[in-house]
Protein backbone atom coordinates (compact mmCIF):
# COMPACT_ATOMS: atom_id res chain seq x y z
CA MET A 1 16.55 -18.47 -23.92
CA THR A 2 15.09 -14.10 -23.22
CA ASP A 3 18.16 -11.59 -22.50
CA LYS A 4 16.77 -10.37 -19.49
CA THR A 5 19.85 -8.32 -18.38
CA ASN A 6 18.45 -5.21 -19.63
CA GLU A 7 14.42 -5.66 -17.93
CA THR A 8 14.41 -3.70 -14.90
CA MET A 9 13.44 -5.85 -11.60
CA TYR A 10 10.37 -5.30 -9.38
CA PHE A 11 10.71 -5.45 -5.50
CA ARG A 12 7.15 -5.42 -4.09
CA MET A 13 6.55 -5.79 -0.21
CA PRO A 14 3.45 -5.90 1.81
CA ARG A 15 3.25 -2.34 2.30
CA GLU A 16 3.45 -2.07 6.84
CA ASP A 17 4.31 1.55 6.54
CA SER A 18 2.42 2.62 10.27
CA LYS A 19 3.83 -0.54 11.91
CA ALA A 20 8.02 0.56 10.26
CA ASN A 21 7.80 4.24 11.12
CA GLU A 22 6.34 3.25 15.19
CA VAL A 23 8.90 0.88 15.39
CA LEU A 24 11.35 2.91 13.79
CA MET A 25 10.52 6.33 16.14
CA ASN A 26 9.59 4.20 19.20
CA VAL A 27 13.58 3.36 18.64
CA TYR A 28 14.78 5.94 17.77
CA ALA A 29 12.80 7.93 21.29
CA SER A 30 14.52 4.54 23.63
CA MET A 31 18.14 5.32 22.75
CA ARG A 32 17.81 8.99 22.97
CA GLU A 33 16.18 8.01 26.31
CA ARG A 34 19.45 6.79 27.26
CA GLY A 35 21.96 8.88 25.54
CA TYR A 36 22.45 7.29 21.89
CA ASP A 37 22.89 8.86 18.78
CA PRO A 38 19.38 7.09 17.64
CA VAL A 39 21.01 7.12 14.03
CA ASN A 40 24.62 5.96 13.99
CA GLN A 41 23.10 2.91 16.08
CA ILE A 42 20.00 2.36 13.55
CA VAL A 43 22.51 2.11 10.26
CA GLY A 44 24.78 -0.53 13.04
CA TYR A 45 22.34 -2.21 13.14
CA LEU A 46 20.59 -1.83 9.65
CA ILE A 47 24.33 -2.31 7.62
CA SER A 48 24.95 -5.65 9.71
CA GLY A 49 22.16 -7.34 11.48
CA ASP A 50 23.84 -6.57 14.96
CA PRO A 51 21.29 -5.96 17.58
CA THR A 52 23.27 -5.46 20.41
CA TYR A 53 23.16 -1.54 18.09
CA ILE A 54 20.20 -1.36 19.60
CA THR A 55 19.52 -0.67 23.38
CA SER A 56 17.31 -3.89 24.89
CA TYR A 57 15.44 -0.06 26.35
CA ASN A 58 11.04 -0.42 26.76
CA ASN A 59 11.62 -3.24 24.35
CA ALA A 60 13.53 -1.19 20.98
CA ARG A 61 15.48 -4.41 20.17
CA TYR A 62 12.80 -6.59 20.46
CA ARG A 63 11.08 -3.99 18.17
CA ILE A 64 13.40 -3.98 15.75
CA CYS A 65 14.14 -6.95 15.21
CA SER A 66 10.19 -7.98 14.47
CA LEU A 67 10.67 -6.28 11.20
CA GLU A 68 13.28 -7.32 8.45
CA ARG A 69 15.47 -4.33 7.81
CA ASP A 70 14.21 -4.03 4.06
CA GLU A 71 11.27 -2.84 5.47
CA LEU A 72 12.89 -0.46 8.01
CA LEU A 73 15.22 1.09 4.85
CA GLU A 74 11.50 1.08 2.57
CA GLU A 75 10.74 2.76 4.85
CA LEU A 76 13.21 5.67 5.44
CA VAL A 77 13.44 5.80 1.84
CA ARG A 78 10.06 6.03 1.07
CA PHE A 79 10.59 9.33 4.04
CA TYR A 80 13.05 10.67 2.64
CA VAL A 81 11.57 10.87 -0.93
CA ARG A 82 8.09 11.89 0.01
CA ALA A 83 10.51 14.92 2.03
CA GLN A 84 13.06 16.16 -0.82
CA ASP A 85 9.89 16.00 -3.15
CA ALA A 86 7.76 18.20 -0.97
CA VAL A 87 11.00 20.66 -1.10
CA LEU A 88 10.82 20.48 -4.88
CA VAL A 89 7.50 21.60 -4.85
CA GLU A 90 7.61 23.75 -2.39
CA GLU A 91 10.69 25.07 -4.37
CA ASN A 92 8.90 25.32 -7.94
CA GLY A 93 5.52 26.63 -6.45
CA ASN A 94 3.61 23.03 -7.80
CA THR A 95 1.17 21.59 -6.71
CA ARG A 96 1.84 17.72 -5.35
CA ASN A 97 0.10 14.94 -6.95
CA ASP A 98 0.05 11.60 -4.37
């Protein structure tokens, strides 16, 4: 039997970047319009899976529930890493190869 404890597992999902981004931005806007702190509410939803953290205004709750939470997290991590990479490139004066 092979010892796989030292191997890195790969996690791959089909990309639907634009849909996850679109949903997050629409939900964010709907939450702001209703006077909520969108970041706290979205984090509450992502951690708990409880859709009542998201307003039903503008179908925001339906939209966010149309995606798996891991898809939303993947989009958030991807956005954060790209933003941090851009800062590093700017600070170091390097060119970026995407």
